[in-house]
Amino acid sequence: VVVLFIVTVCSIMAPRFLTLNNIMAISRNMSIVG
């Protein structure tokens, strides 16, 4: 629920945030530390 809330807030603050390319870029970068 916290993650969904943060995603919602970020998408309002930056409309470019919730694009497929950006979400996949986040996922690729964090998979290493993950």
PDB file of all heavy atoms in Angstrom:
ATOM      1  N   VAL A   1       0.840  -1.198   0.000  1.00  0.00           N
ATOM      2  CA  VAL A   1       0.000   0.000   0.000  1.00  0.00           C
ATOM      3  C   VAL A   1       0.875   1.248   0.000  1.00  0.00           C
ATOM      4  O   VAL A   1       0.598   2.224  -0.711  1.00  0.00           O
ATOM      5  CB  VAL A   1      -0.945   0.000   1.224  1.00  0.00           C
ATOM      6  CG1 VAL A   1      -1.761   1.298   1.268  1.00  0.00           C
ATOM      7  CG2 VAL A   1      -1.875  -1.205   1.193  1.00  0.00           C
ATOM      8  N   VAL A   2       1.949   1.223   0.779  1.00  0.00           N
ATOM      9  CA  VAL A   2       2.882   2.356   0.842  1.00  0.00           C
ATOM     10  C   VAL A   2       3.504   2.619  -0.525  1.00  0.00           C
ATOM     11  O   VAL A   2       3.597   3.773  -0.973  1.00  0.00           O
ATOM     12  CB  VAL A   2       3.981   2.102   1.894  1.00  0.00           C
ATOM     13  CG1 VAL A   2       5.069   3.179   1.820  1.00  0.00           C
ATOM     14  CG2 VAL A   2       3.385   2.070   3.292  1.00  0.00           C
ATOM     15  N   VAL A   3       3.914   1.552  -1.210  1.00  0.00           N
ATOM     16  CA  VAL A   3       4.516   1.697  -2.544  1.00  0.00           C
ATOM     17  C   VAL A   3       3.508   2.306  -3.517  1.00  0.00           C
ATOM     18  O   VAL A   3       3.839   3.224  -4.285  1.00  0.00           O
ATOM     19  CB  VAL A   3       5.018   0.336  -3.074  1.00  0.00           C
ATOM     20  CG1 VAL A   3       5.420   0.442  -4.536  1.00  0.00           C
ATOM     21  CG2 VAL A   3       6.200  -0.150  -2.250  1.00  0.00           C
ATOM     22  N   LEU A   4       2.278   1.815  -3.503  1.00  0.00           N
ATOM     23  CA  LEU A   4       1.241   2.351  -4.395  1.00  0.00           C
ATOM     24  C   LEU A   4       0.974   3.822  -4.092  1.00  0.00           C
ATOM     25  O   LEU A   4       0.776   4.635  -5.014  1.00  0.00           O
ATOM     26  CB  LEU A   4      -0.044   1.538  -4.245  1.00  0.00           C
ATOM     27  CG  LEU A   4       0.019   0.088  -4.747  1.00  0.00           C
ATOM     28  CD1 LEU A   4      -1.288  -0.640  -4.439  1.00  0.00           C
ATOM     29  CD2 LEU A   4       0.295   0.046  -6.248  1.00  0.00           C
ATOM     30  N   PHE A   5       0.985   4.176  -2.807  1.00  0.00           N
ATOM     31  CA  PHE A   5       0.779   5.579  -2.423  1.00  0.00           C
ATOM     32  C   PHE A   5       1.915   6.453  -2.956  1.00  0.00           C
ATOM     33  O   PHE A   5       1.679   7.544  -3.507  1.00  0.00           O
ATOM     34  CB  PHE A   5       0.699   5.682  -0.901  1.00  0.00           C
ATOM     35  CG  PHE A   5       0.627   7.100  -0.393  1.00  0.00           C
ATOM     36  CD1 PHE A   5      -0.539   7.836  -0.504  1.00  0.00           C
ATOM     37  CD2 PHE A   5       1.747   7.695   0.192  1.00  0.00           C
ATOM     38  CE1 PHE A   5      -0.598   9.148  -0.040  1.00  0.00           C
ATOM     39  CE2 PHE A   5       1.691   8.999   0.650  1.00  0.00           C
ATOM     40  CZ  PHE A   5       0.516   9.726   0.539  1.00  0.00           C
ATOM     41  N   ILE A   6       3.157   5.990  -2.792  1.00  0.00           N
ATOM     42  CA  ILE A   6       4.310   6.758  -3.269  1.00  0.00           C
ATOM     43  C   ILE A   6       4.268   6.913  -4.783  1.00  0.00           C
ATOM     44  O   ILE A   6       4.544   8.000  -5.320  1.00  0.00           O
ATOM     45  CB  ILE A   6       5.622   6.070  -2.830  1.00  0.00           C
ATOM     46  CG1 ILE A   6       5.782   6.152  -1.313  1.00  0.00           C
ATOM     47  CG2 ILE A   6       6.830   6.709  -3.515  1.00  0.00           C
ATOM     48  CD1 ILE A   6       6.967   5.376  -0.772  1.00  0.00           C
ATOM     49  N   VAL A   7       3.912   5.843  -5.488  1.00  0.00           N
ATOM     50  CA  VAL A   7       3.802   5.901  -6.956  1.00  0.00           C
ATOM     51  C   VAL A   7       2.749   6.930  -7.362  1.00  0.00           C
ATOM     52  O   VAL A   7       2.954   7.722  -8.297  1.00  0.00           O
ATOM     53  CB  VAL A   7       3.454   4.512  -7.522  1.00  0.00           C
ATOM     54  CG1 VAL A   7       3.047   4.618  -8.988  1.00  0.00           C
ATOM     55  CG2 VAL A   7       4.636   3.556  -7.372  1.00  0.00           C
ATOM     56  N   THR A   8       1.619   6.942  -6.673  1.00  0.00           N
ATOM     57  CA  THR A   8       0.543   7.894  -6.986  1.00  0.00           C
ATOM     58  C   THR A   8       1.004   9.328  -6.784  1.00  0.00           C
ATOM     59  O   THR A   8       0.799  10.203  -7.647  1.00  0.00           O
ATOM     60  CB  THR A   8      -0.699   7.623  -6.104  1.00  0.00           C
ATOM     61  OG1 THR A   8      -1.122   6.280  -6.288  1.00  0.00           O
ATOM     62  CG2 THR A   8      -1.837   8.573  -6.454  1.00  0.00           C
ATOM     63  N   VAL A   9       1.650   9.591  -5.646  1.00  0.00           N
ATOM     64  CA  VAL A   9       2.138  10.940  -5.346  1.00  0.00           C
ATOM     65  C   VAL A   9       3.172  11.376  -6.374  1.00  0.00           C
ATOM     66  O   VAL A   9       3.134  12.506  -6.884  1.00  0.00           O
ATOM     67  CB  VAL A   9       2.727  11.006  -3.921  1.00  0.00           C
ATOM     68  CG1 VAL A   9       3.430  12.341  -3.687  1.00  0.00           C
ATOM     69  CG2 VAL A   9       1.645  10.780  -2.881  1.00  0.00           C
ATOM     70  N   CYS A  10       4.106  10.479  -6.709  1.00  0.00           N
ATOM     71  CA  CYS A  10       5.169  10.809  -7.672  1.00  0.00           C
ATOM     72  C   CYS A  10       4.606  11.074  -9.061  1.00  0.00           C
ATOM     73  O   CYS A  10       5.091  11.959  -9.779  1.00  0.00           O
ATOM     74  CB  CYS A  10       6.195   9.679  -7.724  1.00  0.00           C
ATOM     75  SG  CYS A  10       7.216   9.537  -6.238  1.00  0.00           S
ATOM     76  N   SER A  11       3.593  10.312  -9.455  1.00  0.00           N
ATOM     77  CA  SER A  11       2.986  10.506 -10.772  1.00  0.00           C
ATOM     78  C   SER A  11       2.257  11.851 -10.853  1.00  0.00           C
ATOM     79  O   SER A  11       2.155  12.446 -11.941  1.00  0.00           O
ATOM     80  CB  SER A  11       2.022   9.366 -11.094  1.00  0.00           C
ATOM     81  OG  SER A  11       0.975   9.311 -10.139  1.00  0.00           O
ATOM     82  N   ILE A  12       1.765  12.338  -9.724  1.00  0.00           N
ATOM     83  CA  ILE A  12       1.124  13.661  -9.693  1.00  0.00           C
ATOM     84  C   ILE A  12       2.184  14.756  -9.744  1.00  0.00           C
ATOM     85  O   ILE A  12       2.039  15.754 -10.465  1.00  0.00           O
ATOM     86  CB  ILE A  12       0.252  13.816  -8.421  1.00  0.00           C
ATOM     87  CG1 ILE A  12      -0.931  12.842  -8.467  1.00  0.00           C
ATOM     88  CG2 ILE A  12      -0.244  15.256  -8.274  1.00  0.00           C
ATOM     89  CD1 ILE A  12      -1.714  12.753  -7.179  1.00  0.00           C
ATOM     90  N   MET A  13       3.265  14.557  -8.995  1.00  0.00           N
ATOM     91  CA  MET A  13       4.342  15.550  -8.952  1.00  0.00           C
ATOM     92  C   MET A  13       5.082  15.647 -10.280  1.00  0.00           C
ATOM     93  O   MET A  13       5.503  16.733 -10.689  1.00  0.00           O
ATOM     94  CB  MET A  13       5.324  15.199  -7.843  1.00  0.00           C
ATOM     95  CG  MET A  13       4.755  15.321  -6.446  1.00  0.00           C
ATOM     96  SD  MET A  13       5.873  14.628  -5.185  1.00  0.00           S
ATOM     97  CE  MET A  13       7.311  15.686  -5.366  1.00  0.00           C
ATOM     98  N   ALA A  14       5.258  14.514 -10.954  1.00  0.00           N
ATOM     99  CA  ALA A  14       6.004  14.483 -12.228  1.00  0.00           C
ATOM    100  C   ALA A  14       5.263  13.559 -13.199  1.00  0.00           C
ATOM    101  O   ALA A  14       5.404  12.334 -13.103  1.00  0.00           O
ATOM    102  CB  ALA A  14       7.424  14.013 -12.000  1.00  0.00           C
ATOM    103  N   PRO A  15       4.473  14.110 -14.103  1.00  0.00           N
ATOM    104  CA  PRO A  15       3.687  13.274 -15.029  1.00  0.00           C
ATOM    105  C   PRO A  15       4.527  12.289 -15.834  1.00  0.00           C
ATOM    106  O   PRO A  15       4.040  11.234 -16.221  1.00  0.00           O
ATOM    107  CB  PRO A  15       3.039  14.317 -15.956  1.00  0.00           C
ATOM    108  CG  PRO A  15       2.983  15.569 -15.135  1.00  0.00           C
ATOM    109  CD  PRO A  15       4.211  15.535 -14.278  1.00  0.00           C
ATOM    110  N   ARG A  16       5.817  12.624 -16.072  1.00  0.00           N
ATOM    111  CA  ARG A  16       6.680  11.712 -16.839  1.00  0.00           C
ATOM    112  C   ARG A  16       7.088  10.490 -16.042  1.00  0.00           C
ATOM    113  O   ARG A  16       7.636   9.542 -16.586  1.00  0.00           O
ATOM    114  CB  ARG A  16       7.953  12.447 -17.287  1.00  0.00           C
ATOM    115  CG  ARG A  16       7.723  13.526 -18.322  1.00  0.00           C
ATOM    116  CD  ARG A  16       9.033  14.142 -18.777  1.00  0.00           C
ATOM    117  NE  ARG A  16       9.716  14.847 -17.697  1.00  0.00           N
ATOM    118  CZ  ARG A  16      10.891  14.487 -17.186  1.00  0.00           C
ATOM    119  NH1 ARG A  16      11.504  13.411 -17.632  1.00  0.00           N
ATOM    120  NH2 ARG A  16      11.454  15.197 -16.222  1.00  0.00           N
ATOM    121  N   PHE A  17       6.826  10.535 -14.716  1.00  0.00           N
ATOM    122  CA  PHE A  17       7.255   9.432 -13.857  1.00  0.00           C
ATOM    123  C   PHE A  17       6.576   8.120 -14.238  1.00  0.00           C
ATOM    124  O   PHE A  17       7.224   7.077 -14.335  1.00  0.00           O
ATOM    125  CB  PHE A  17       6.953   9.771 -12.390  1.00  0.00           C
ATOM    126  CG  PHE A  17       7.180   8.627 -11.447  1.00  0.00           C
ATOM    127  CD1 PHE A  17       8.456   8.318 -11.004  1.00  0.00           C
ATOM    128  CD2 PHE A  17       6.126   7.825 -11.017  1.00  0.00           C
ATOM    129  CE1 PHE A  17       8.687   7.250 -10.141  1.00  0.00           C
ATOM    130  CE2 PHE A  17       6.342   6.762 -10.161  1.00  0.00           C
ATOM    131  CZ  PHE A  17       7.618   6.474  -9.723  1.00  0.00           C
ATOM    132  N   LEU A  18       5.286   8.163 -14.452  1.00  0.00           N
ATOM    133  CA  LEU A  18       4.524   6.932 -14.660  1.00  0.00           C
ATOM    134  C   LEU A  18       4.472   6.544 -16.141  1.00  0.00           C
ATOM    135  O   LEU A  18       3.404   6.288 -16.701  1.00  0.00           O
ATOM    136  CB  LEU A  18       3.107   7.079 -14.099  1.00  0.00           C
ATOM    137  CG  LEU A  18       2.414   5.782 -13.652  1.00  0.00           C
ATOM    138  CD1 LEU A  18       3.229   5.083 -12.576  1.00  0.00           C
ATOM    139  CD2 LEU A  18       1.002   6.061 -13.140  1.00  0.00           C
ATOM    140  N   THR A  19       5.630   6.507 -16.762  1.00  0.00           N
ATOM    141  CA  THR A  19       5.730   6.000 -18.134  1.00  0.00           C
ATOM    142  C   THR A  19       6.435   4.661 -18.105  1.00  0.00           C
ATOM    143  O   THR A  19       7.233   4.389 -17.201  1.00  0.00           O
ATOM    144  CB  THR A  19       6.519   6.974 -19.034  1.00  0.00           C
ATOM    145  OG1 THR A  19       7.844   7.126 -18.509  1.00  0.00           O
ATOM    146  CG2 THR A  19       5.838   8.344 -19.089  1.00  0.00           C
ATOM    147  N   LEU A  20       6.150   3.812 -19.069  1.00  0.00           N
ATOM    148  CA  LEU A  20       6.719   2.468 -19.086  1.00  0.00           C
ATOM    149  C   LEU A  20       8.239   2.508 -19.109  1.00  0.00           C
ATOM    150  O   LEU A  20       8.899   1.767 -18.372  1.00  0.00           O
ATOM    151  CB  LEU A  20       6.186   1.691 -20.296  1.00  0.00           C
ATOM    152  CG  LEU A  20       6.657   0.238 -20.415  1.00  0.00           C
ATOM    153  CD1 LEU A  20       6.194  -0.564 -19.210  1.00  0.00           C
ATOM    154  CD2 LEU A  20       6.130  -0.389 -21.706  1.00  0.00           C
ATOM    155  N   ASN A  21       8.806   3.386 -19.941  1.00  0.00           N
ATOM    156  CA  ASN A  21      10.267   3.464 -20.043  1.00  0.00           C
ATOM    157  C   ASN A  21      10.903   3.846 -18.710  1.00  0.00           C
ATOM    158  O   ASN A  21      11.938   3.295 -18.314  1.00  0.00           O
ATOM    159  CB  ASN A  21      10.667   4.481 -21.120  1.00  0.00           C
ATOM    160  CG  ASN A  21      10.423   3.959 -22.516  1.00  0.00           C
ATOM    161  OD1 ASN A  21      10.304   2.749 -22.722  1.00  0.00           O
ATOM    162  ND2 ASN A  21      10.323   4.866 -23.480  1.00  0.00           N
ATOM    163  N   ASN A  22      10.277   4.800 -18.008  1.00  0.00           N
ATOM    164  CA  ASN A  22      10.837   5.244 -16.733  1.00  0.00           C
ATOM    165  C   ASN A  22      10.725   4.160 -15.670  1.00  0.00           C
ATOM    166  O   ASN A  22      11.674   3.922 -14.908  1.00  0.00           O
ATOM    167  CB  ASN A  22      10.122   6.514 -16.262  1.00  0.00           C
ATOM    168  CG  ASN A  22      10.815   7.143 -15.069  1.00  0.00           C
ATOM    169  OD1 ASN A  22      12.014   7.412 -15.088  1.00  0.00           O
ATOM    170  ND2 ASN A  22      10.064   7.349 -13.991  1.00  0.00           N
ATOM    171  N   ILE A  23       9.582   3.490 -15.603  1.00  0.00           N
ATOM    172  CA  ILE A  23       9.399   2.419 -14.615  1.00  0.00           C
ATOM    173  C   ILE A  23      10.378   1.277 -14.876  1.00  0.00           C
ATOM    174  O   ILE A  23      10.973   0.715 -13.945  1.00  0.00           O
ATOM    175  CB  ILE A  23       7.947   1.882 -14.650  1.00  0.00           C
ATOM    176  CG1 ILE A  23       6.972   2.979 -14.225  1.00  0.00           C
ATOM    177  CG2 ILE A  23       7.795   0.667 -13.743  1.00  0.00           C
ATOM    178  CD1 ILE A  23       7.168   3.481 -12.814  1.00  0.00           C
ATOM    179  N   MET A  24      10.584   0.937 -16.139  1.00  0.00           N
ATOM    180  CA  MET A  24      11.534  -0.130 -16.467  1.00  0.00           C
ATOM    181  C   MET A  24      12.971   0.299 -16.165  1.00  0.00           C
ATOM    182  O   MET A  24      13.799  -0.522 -15.757  1.00  0.00           O
ATOM    183  CB  MET A  24      11.403  -0.516 -17.948  1.00  0.00           C
ATOM    184  CG  MET A  24      10.117  -1.261 -18.288  1.00  0.00           C
ATOM    185  SD  MET A  24       9.909  -2.817 -17.362  1.00  0.00           S
ATOM    186  CE  MET A  24       8.673  -2.350 -16.141  1.00  0.00           C
ATOM    187  N   ALA A  25      13.260   1.594 -16.353  1.00  0.00           N
ATOM    188  CA  ALA A  25      14.607   2.092 -16.025  1.00  0.00           C
ATOM    189  C   ALA A  25      14.863   1.997 -14.524  1.00  0.00           C
ATOM    190  O   ALA A  25      15.952   1.589 -14.087  1.00  0.00           O
ATOM    191  CB  ALA A  25      14.761   3.539 -16.497  1.00  0.00           C
ATOM    192  N   ILE A  26      13.862   2.364 -13.714  1.00  0.00           N
ATOM    193  CA  ILE A  26      13.983   2.230 -12.261  1.00  0.00           C
ATOM    194  C   ILE A  26      14.220   0.770 -11.887  1.00  0.00           C
ATOM    195  O   ILE A  26      15.081   0.442 -11.068  1.00  0.00           O
ATOM    196  CB  ILE A  26      12.708   2.761 -11.561  1.00  0.00           C
ATOM    197  CG1 ILE A  26      12.562   4.259 -11.763  1.00  0.00           C
ATOM    198  CG2 ILE A  26      12.736   2.430 -10.066  1.00  0.00           C
ATOM    199  CD1 ILE A  26      11.236   4.817 -11.277  1.00  0.00           C
ATOM    200  N   SER A  27      13.436  -0.110 -12.498  1.00  0.00           N
ATOM    201  CA  SER A  27      13.518  -1.543 -12.184  1.00  0.00           C
ATOM    202  C   SER A  27      14.887  -2.109 -12.545  1.00  0.00           C
ATOM    203  O   SER A  27      15.471  -2.891 -11.788  1.00  0.00           O
ATOM    204  CB  SER A  27      12.425  -2.306 -12.941  1.00  0.00           C
ATOM    205  OG  SER A  27      11.146  -1.824 -12.598  1.00  0.00           O
ATOM    206  N   ARG A  28      15.413  -1.711 -13.708  1.00  0.00           N
ATOM    207  CA  ARG A  28      16.731  -2.203 -14.138  1.00  0.00           C
ATOM    208  C   ARG A  28      17.829  -1.753 -13.172  1.00  0.00           C
ATOM    209  O   ARG A  28      18.660  -2.541 -12.746  1.00  0.00           O
ATOM    210  CB  ARG A  28      17.050  -1.698 -15.550  1.00  0.00           C
ATOM    211  CG  ARG A  28      18.344  -2.284 -16.128  1.00  0.00           C
ATOM    212  CD  ARG A  28      18.729  -1.596 -17.434  1.00  0.00           C
ATOM    213  NE  ARG A  28      17.716  -1.737 -18.448  1.00  0.00           N
ATOM    214  CZ  ARG A  28      17.600  -2.791 -19.262  1.00  0.00           C
ATOM    215  NH1 ARG A  28      18.451  -3.801 -19.140  1.00  0.00           N
ATOM    216  NH2 ARG A  28      16.654  -2.834 -20.182  1.00  0.00           N
ATOM    217  N   ASN A  29      17.789  -0.470 -12.794  1.00  0.00           N
ATOM    218  CA  ASN A  29      18.843   0.070 -11.940  1.00  0.00           C
ATOM    219  C   ASN A  29      18.800  -0.521 -10.536  1.00  0.00           C
ATOM    220  O   ASN A  29      19.845  -0.803  -9.941  1.00  0.00           O
ATOM    221  CB  ASN A  29      18.719   1.596 -11.862  1.00  0.00           C
ATOM    222  CG  ASN A  29      19.031   2.272 -13.185  1.00  0.00           C
ATOM    223  OD1 ASN A  29      19.772   1.725 -14.003  1.00  0.00           O
ATOM    224  ND2 ASN A  29      18.454   3.431 -13.423  1.00  0.00           N
ATOM    225  N   MET A  30      17.609  -0.709  -9.989  1.00  0.00           N
ATOM    226  CA  MET A  30      17.493  -1.176  -8.617  1.00  0.00           C
ATOM    227  C   MET A  30      17.625  -2.688  -8.488  1.00  0.00           C
ATOM    228  O   MET A  30      17.758  -3.207  -7.374  1.00  0.00           O
ATOM    229  CB  MET A  30      16.161  -0.719  -8.005  1.00  0.00           C
ATOM    230  CG  MET A  30      16.094   0.769  -7.724  1.00  0.00           C
ATOM    231  SD  MET A  30      17.533   1.428  -6.822  1.00  0.00           S
ATOM    232  CE  MET A  30      17.477   0.481  -5.299  1.00  0.00           C
ATOM    233  N   SER A  31      17.593  -3.406  -9.600  1.00  0.00           N
ATOM    234  CA  SER A  31      17.722  -4.869  -9.532  1.00  0.00           C
ATOM    235  C   SER A  31      19.087  -5.284  -9.013  1.00  0.00           C
ATOM    236  O   SER A  31      19.224  -6.341  -8.380  1.00  0.00           O
ATOM    237  CB  SER A  31      17.486  -5.480 -10.917  1.00  0.00           C
ATOM    238  OG  SER A  31      16.151  -5.275 -11.324  1.00  0.00           O
ATOM    239  N   ILE A  32      20.101  -4.450  -9.235  1.00  0.00           N
ATOM    240  CA  ILE A  32      21.457  -4.783  -8.799  1.00  0.00           C
ATOM    241  C   ILE A  32      21.572  -4.701  -7.281  1.00  0.00           C
ATOM    242  O   ILE A  32      21.961  -5.659  -6.609  1.00  0.00           O
ATOM    243  CB  ILE A  32      22.479  -3.858  -9.488  1.00  0.00           C
ATOM    244  CG1 ILE A  32      22.432  -4.074 -11.006  1.00  0.00           C
ATOM    245  CG2 ILE A  32      23.886  -4.110  -8.957  1.00  0.00           C
ATOM    246  CD1 ILE A  32      23.025  -2.955 -11.807  1.00  0.00           C
ATOM    247  N   VAL A  33      21.180  -3.550  -6.731  1.00  0.00           N
ATOM    248  CA  VAL A  33      21.147  -3.420  -5.272  1.00  0.00           C
ATOM    249  C   VAL A  33      20.137  -4.397  -4.686  1.00  0.00           C
ATOM    250  O   VAL A  33      20.326  -4.941  -3.594  1.00  0.00           O
ATOM    251  CB  VAL A  33      20.796  -1.970  -4.871  1.00  0.00           C
ATOM    252  CG1 VAL A  33      20.512  -1.877  -3.374  1.00  0.00           C
ATOM    253  CG2 VAL A  33      21.930  -1.026  -5.235  1.00  0.00           C
ATOM    254  N   GLY A  34      19.054  -4.650  -5.443  1.00  0.00           N
ATOM    255  CA  GLY A  34      18.025  -5.589  -4.994  1.00  0.00           C
ATOM    256  C   GLY A  34      18.572  -6.984  -4.764  1.00  0.00           C
ATOM    257  O   GLY A  34      18.194  -7.659  -3.793  1.00  0.00           O
TER     258      GLY A  34
END
